[in-house]
Amino acid sequence: MFTLEIGGRPVAMTDASAERAHEFFAGQMFKAHLGQLMSQGQRLWDGIAPLVVRPSSEEEIVRFKRVQAAADEEQEDEEEPDTFSVVYLVEAEEEEVEAG
């Protein structure tokens, strides 16, 4: 498992292979998504801070498995063999855009 750090803060992790984890976290779609997410009133990523992918710690792996187990209970469909999961390690929410 691999963890994405932004500014030294663990933000997300995945059970993908090393190559797929690096590709996914470096992908333009994921970066755009990160730029729209907020945590504790701040953007998860400012578009400048380096994104670092590293092997996950034991504590992070336990947390990932706990979240995955809860998600598996809710999901009845069989997953594709080529899929992987991503779990945020921070409370993240979409930025609210005011109409007007």
N, C-alpha and C. Protein backbone atom coordinates (compact mmCIF):
# COMPACT_ATOMS: atom_id res chain seq x y z
N MET A 1 0.85 -1.17 0.00
CA MET A 1 0.00 0.00 0.00
C MET A 1 0.89 1.24 0.00
N PHE A 2 0.32 2.32 -0.57
CA PHE A 2 1.10 3.53 -0.74
C PHE A 2 0.29 4.74 -0.28
N THR A 3 0.99 5.70 0.33
CA THR A 3 0.39 6.89 0.89
C THR A 3 0.85 8.12 0.13
N LEU A 4 -0.08 9.04 -0.11
CA LEU A 4 0.23 10.33 -0.71
C LEU A 4 0.38 11.35 0.40
N GLU A 5 1.51 12.03 0.41
CA GLU A 5 1.74 13.12 1.36
C GLU A 5 1.78 14.44 0.61
N ILE A 6 1.18 15.44 1.21
CA ILE A 6 1.25 16.80 0.69
C ILE A 6 1.82 17.67 1.80
N GLY A 7 2.97 18.25 1.56
CA GLY A 7 3.60 19.08 2.58
C GLY A 7 3.90 18.31 3.85
N GLY A 8 4.25 17.04 3.72
CA GLY A 8 4.57 16.20 4.87
C GLY A 8 3.35 15.64 5.59
N ARG A 9 2.16 15.93 5.10
CA ARG A 9 0.91 15.47 5.73
C ARG A 9 0.32 14.32 4.92
N PRO A 10 0.13 13.14 5.54
CA PRO A 10 -0.52 12.03 4.84
C PRO A 10 -1.96 12.41 4.52
N VAL A 11 -2.33 12.33 3.24
CA VAL A 11 -3.65 12.78 2.81
C VAL A 11 -4.51 11.65 2.29
N ALA A 12 -3.90 10.73 1.52
CA ALA A 12 -4.68 9.63 0.93
C ALA A 12 -3.77 8.42 0.78
N MET A 13 -4.40 7.27 0.63
CA MET A 13 -3.61 6.06 0.37
C MET A 13 -4.37 5.13 -0.54
N THR A 14 -3.63 4.18 -1.12
CA THR A 14 -4.22 3.25 -2.06
C THR A 14 -3.60 1.86 -1.89
N ASP A 15 -4.37 0.86 -2.32
CA ASP A 15 -3.87 -0.51 -2.32
C ASP A 15 -3.37 -0.90 -3.71
N ALA A 16 -3.19 0.08 -4.58
CA ALA A 16 -2.68 -0.18 -5.93
C ALA A 16 -1.20 -0.55 -5.86
N SER A 17 -0.70 -1.10 -6.96
CA SER A 17 0.74 -1.38 -7.06
C SER A 17 1.50 -0.06 -7.04
N ALA A 18 2.79 -0.12 -6.82
CA ALA A 18 3.61 1.09 -6.77
C ALA A 18 3.46 1.91 -8.05
N GLU A 19 3.54 1.25 -9.18
CA GLU A 19 3.44 1.95 -10.46
C GLU A 19 2.08 2.63 -10.62
N ARG A 20 1.01 1.91 -10.33
CA ARG A 20 -0.34 2.47 -10.48
C ARG A 20 -0.60 3.57 -9.46
N ALA A 21 -0.06 3.41 -8.24
CA ALA A 21 -0.23 4.45 -7.22
C ALA A 21 0.42 5.76 -7.69
N HIS A 22 1.64 5.67 -8.20
CA HIS A 22 2.32 6.86 -8.69
C HIS A 22 1.57 7.48 -9.87
N GLU A 23 1.11 6.65 -10.80
CA GLU A 23 0.36 7.15 -11.96
C GLU A 23 -0.93 7.83 -11.52
N PHE A 24 -1.66 7.19 -10.62
CA PHE A 24 -2.95 7.73 -10.18
C PHE A 24 -2.76 9.06 -9.46
N PHE A 25 -1.89 9.09 -8.45
CA PHE A 25 -1.71 10.30 -7.66
C PHE A 25 -1.09 11.44 -8.48
N ALA A 26 -0.38 11.13 -9.54
CA ALA A 26 0.22 12.16 -10.39
C ALA A 26 -0.69 12.56 -11.55
N GLY A 27 -1.81 11.87 -11.71
CA GLY A 27 -2.72 12.13 -12.81
C GLY A 27 -3.42 13.47 -12.69
N GLN A 28 -3.70 14.08 -13.84
CA GLN A 28 -4.34 15.39 -13.87
C GLN A 28 -5.73 15.39 -13.24
N MET A 29 -6.50 14.31 -13.45
CA MET A 29 -7.84 14.25 -12.86
C MET A 29 -7.78 14.27 -11.33
N PHE A 30 -6.86 13.47 -10.77
CA PHE A 30 -6.76 13.42 -9.31
C PHE A 30 -6.24 14.75 -8.78
N LYS A 31 -5.27 15.34 -9.44
CA LYS A 31 -4.75 16.64 -8.99
C LYS A 31 -5.84 17.71 -9.02
N ALA A 32 -6.66 17.70 -10.07
CA ALA A 32 -7.76 18.66 -10.15
C ALA A 32 -8.73 18.44 -9.00
N HIS A 33 -9.00 17.17 -8.69
CA HIS A 33 -9.89 16.84 -7.58
C HIS A 33 -9.30 17.33 -6.26
N LEU A 34 -8.01 17.09 -6.05
CA LEU A 34 -7.35 17.55 -4.83
C LEU A 34 -7.48 19.06 -4.65
N GLY A 35 -7.38 19.79 -5.75
CA GLY A 35 -7.47 21.25 -5.69
C GLY A 35 -8.85 21.75 -5.31
N GLN A 36 -9.87 20.90 -5.43
CA GLN A 36 -11.23 21.28 -5.07
C GLN A 36 -11.64 20.84 -3.68
N LEU A 37 -10.85 19.96 -3.07
CA LEU A 37 -11.20 19.44 -1.75
C LEU A 37 -10.68 20.33 -0.63
N MET A 38 -11.47 20.42 0.41
CA MET A 38 -11.10 21.20 1.59
C MET A 38 -11.04 20.27 2.80
N SER A 39 -10.17 20.61 3.73
CA SER A 39 -10.08 19.90 5.00
C SER A 39 -9.76 20.92 6.07
N GLN A 40 -10.59 20.99 7.07
CA GLN A 40 -10.44 21.95 8.16
C GLN A 40 -10.29 23.37 7.64
N GLY A 41 -11.09 23.71 6.62
CA GLY A 41 -11.11 25.06 6.09
C GLY A 41 -9.99 25.41 5.14
N GLN A 42 -9.13 24.45 4.80
CA GLN A 42 -8.03 24.71 3.89
C GLN A 42 -8.05 23.72 2.74
N ARG A 43 -7.57 24.17 1.59
CA ARG A 43 -7.46 23.27 0.45
C ARG A 43 -6.49 22.14 0.77
N LEU A 44 -6.83 20.94 0.29
CA LEU A 44 -5.90 19.82 0.48
C LEU A 44 -4.60 20.05 -0.28
N TRP A 45 -4.72 20.66 -1.45
CA TRP A 45 -3.52 20.91 -2.26
C TRP A 45 -3.64 22.26 -2.92
N ASP A 46 -2.58 23.04 -2.85
CA ASP A 46 -2.56 24.38 -3.43
C ASP A 46 -2.10 24.41 -4.88
N GLY A 47 -1.79 23.25 -5.44
CA GLY A 47 -1.31 23.19 -6.81
C GLY A 47 0.19 23.39 -6.94
N ILE A 48 0.84 23.67 -5.82
CA ILE A 48 2.28 23.94 -5.83
C ILE A 48 3.06 22.94 -4.98
N ALA A 49 2.57 22.64 -3.79
CA ALA A 49 3.27 21.74 -2.88
C ALA A 49 3.55 20.41 -3.55
N PRO A 50 4.73 19.85 -3.34
CA PRO A 50 5.04 18.56 -3.96
C PRO A 50 4.15 17.44 -3.42
N LEU A 51 3.76 16.55 -4.33
CA LEU A 51 3.00 15.36 -3.96
C LEU A 51 4.00 14.22 -3.85
N VAL A 52 4.10 13.62 -2.68
CA VAL A 52 5.07 12.55 -2.43
C VAL A 52 4.32 11.25 -2.19
N VAL A 53 4.67 10.22 -2.94
CA VAL A 53 4.07 8.89 -2.76
C VAL A 53 5.12 8.02 -2.08
N ARG A 54 4.72 7.41 -0.97
CA ARG A 54 5.64 6.56 -0.20
C ARG A 54 4.91 5.32 0.28
N PRO A 55 5.67 4.28 0.68
CA PRO A 55 5.01 3.11 1.26
C PRO A 55 4.24 3.51 2.52
N SER A 56 3.08 2.93 2.71
CA SER A 56 2.24 3.24 3.86
C SER A 56 2.82 2.67 5.14
N SER A 57 2.56 3.37 6.25
CA SER A 57 2.98 2.88 7.57
C SER A 57 1.99 1.81 8.04
N GLU A 58 2.38 1.06 9.03
CA GLU A 58 1.50 0.03 9.60
C GLU A 58 0.20 0.64 10.12
N GLU A 59 0.31 1.78 10.79
CA GLU A 59 -0.88 2.46 11.33
C GLU A 59 -1.83 2.86 10.20
N GLU A 60 -1.28 3.37 9.10
CA GLU A 60 -2.10 3.75 7.96
C GLU A 60 -2.77 2.54 7.33
N ILE A 61 -2.05 1.43 7.25
CA ILE A 61 -2.61 0.20 6.67
C ILE A 61 -3.79 -0.30 7.50
N VAL A 62 -3.66 -0.25 8.82
CA VAL A 62 -4.76 -0.66 9.70
C VAL A 62 -5.97 0.22 9.47
N ARG A 63 -5.76 1.51 9.38
CA ARG A 63 -6.86 2.45 9.14
C ARG A 63 -7.51 2.19 7.78
N PHE A 64 -6.70 1.96 6.76
CA PHE A 64 -7.20 1.67 5.42
C PHE A 64 -8.08 0.43 5.45
N LYS A 65 -7.58 -0.63 6.08
CA LYS A 65 -8.34 -1.89 6.13
C LYS A 65 -9.66 -1.72 6.87
N ARG A 66 -9.67 -0.89 7.90
CA ARG A 66 -10.90 -0.64 8.65
C ARG A 66 -11.94 0.06 7.76
N VAL A 67 -11.50 1.07 7.02
CA VAL A 67 -12.40 1.78 6.12
C VAL A 67 -12.86 0.86 5.00
N GLN A 68 -11.93 0.07 4.46
CA GLN A 68 -12.25 -0.86 3.37
C GLN A 68 -13.27 -1.90 3.82
N ALA A 69 -13.12 -2.41 5.03
CA ALA A 69 -14.06 -3.41 5.54
C ALA A 69 -15.46 -2.82 5.66
N ALA A 70 -15.55 -1.58 6.13
CA ALA A 70 -16.85 -0.93 6.24
C ALA A 70 -17.46 -0.72 4.86
N ALA A 71 -16.65 -0.34 3.89
CA ALA A 71 -17.14 -0.14 2.52
C ALA A 71 -17.57 -1.46 1.90
N ASP A 72 -16.84 -2.53 2.17
CA ASP A 72 -17.18 -3.84 1.61
C ASP A 72 -18.53 -4.32 2.11
N GLU A 73 -18.87 -3.99 3.35
CA GLU A 73 -20.17 -4.38 3.89
C GLU A 73 -21.31 -3.71 3.13
N GLU A 74 -21.08 -2.48 2.65
CA GLU A 74 -22.10 -1.74 1.93
C GLU A 74 -22.16 -2.12 0.46
N GLN A 75 -21.08 -2.66 -0.08
CA GLN A 75 -20.98 -2.95 -1.50
C GLN A 75 -21.24 -4.43 -1.75
N GLU A 76 -22.20 -4.71 -2.64
CA GLU A 76 -22.53 -6.09 -2.94
C GLU A 76 -21.95 -6.54 -4.28
N ASP A 77 -21.65 -5.58 -5.16
CA ASP A 77 -21.12 -5.93 -6.48
C ASP A 77 -19.70 -6.46 -6.35
N GLU A 78 -19.34 -7.36 -7.26
CA GLU A 78 -17.97 -7.85 -7.31
C GLU A 78 -17.13 -6.81 -8.02
N GLU A 79 -15.93 -6.57 -7.49
CA GLU A 79 -15.04 -5.60 -8.11
C GLU A 79 -14.32 -6.21 -9.29
N GLU A 80 -13.97 -5.35 -10.23
CA GLU A 80 -13.16 -5.76 -11.35
C GLU A 80 -11.78 -6.15 -10.83
N PRO A 81 -11.12 -7.15 -11.42
CA PRO A 81 -9.82 -7.56 -10.93
C PRO A 81 -8.74 -6.49 -11.09
N ASP A 82 -8.99 -5.50 -11.94
CA ASP A 82 -8.00 -4.47 -12.23
C ASP A 82 -8.20 -3.22 -11.38
N THR A 83 -9.14 -3.23 -10.44
CA THR A 83 -9.45 -2.04 -9.66
C THR A 83 -8.58 -1.93 -8.41
N PHE A 84 -8.56 -0.73 -7.87
CA PHE A 84 -7.88 -0.50 -6.60
C PHE A 84 -8.70 0.52 -5.83
N SER A 85 -8.44 0.62 -4.55
CA SER A 85 -9.18 1.54 -3.69
C SER A 85 -8.30 2.71 -3.28
N VAL A 86 -8.95 3.84 -3.02
CA VAL A 86 -8.27 5.02 -2.49
C VAL A 86 -9.06 5.46 -1.26
N VAL A 87 -8.35 5.72 -0.17
CA VAL A 87 -8.97 6.16 1.08
C VAL A 87 -8.29 7.47 1.49
N TYR A 88 -9.11 8.48 1.81
CA TYR A 88 -8.55 9.73 2.33
C TYR A 88 -8.26 9.55 3.81
N LEU A 89 -7.13 10.07 4.24
CA LEU A 89 -6.71 9.98 5.63
C LEU A 89 -7.06 11.24 6.41
N VAL A 90 -7.71 12.17 5.74
CA VAL A 90 -8.19 13.41 6.36
C VAL A 90 -9.66 13.54 6.02
N GLU A 91 -10.37 14.32 6.81
CA GLU A 91 -11.76 14.60 6.47
C GLU A 91 -11.73 15.58 5.32
N ALA A 92 -12.27 15.17 4.20
CA ALA A 92 -12.24 16.01 3.00
C ALA A 92 -13.66 16.28 2.53
N GLU A 93 -13.85 17.49 2.05
CA GLU A 93 -15.16 17.86 1.52
C GLU A 93 -14.97 18.77 0.32
N GLU A 94 -15.93 18.73 -0.59
CA GLU A 94 -15.89 19.58 -1.77
C GLU A 94 -16.05 21.02 -1.33
N GLU A 95 -15.32 21.91 -2.00
CA GLU A 95 -15.45 23.33 -1.72
C GLU A 95 -16.82 23.79 -2.19
N GLU A 96 -17.50 24.56 -1.35
CA GLU A 96 -18.81 25.08 -1.73
C GLU A 96 -18.61 26.34 -2.56
N VAL A 97 -19.26 26.37 -3.71
CA VAL A 97 -19.17 27.52 -4.58
C VAL A 97 -20.48 28.30 -4.49
N GLU A 98 -20.37 29.58 -4.19
CA GLU A 98 -21.57 30.40 -4.06
C GLU A 98 -22.09 30.78 -5.42
N ALA A 99 -23.40 30.67 -5.58
CA ALA A 99 -24.03 31.06 -6.84
C ALA A 99 -24.14 32.58 -6.88
N GLY A 100 -24.04 33.14 -8.08
CA GLY A 100 -24.25 34.57 -8.10
C GLY A 100 -23.52 35.20 -9.16
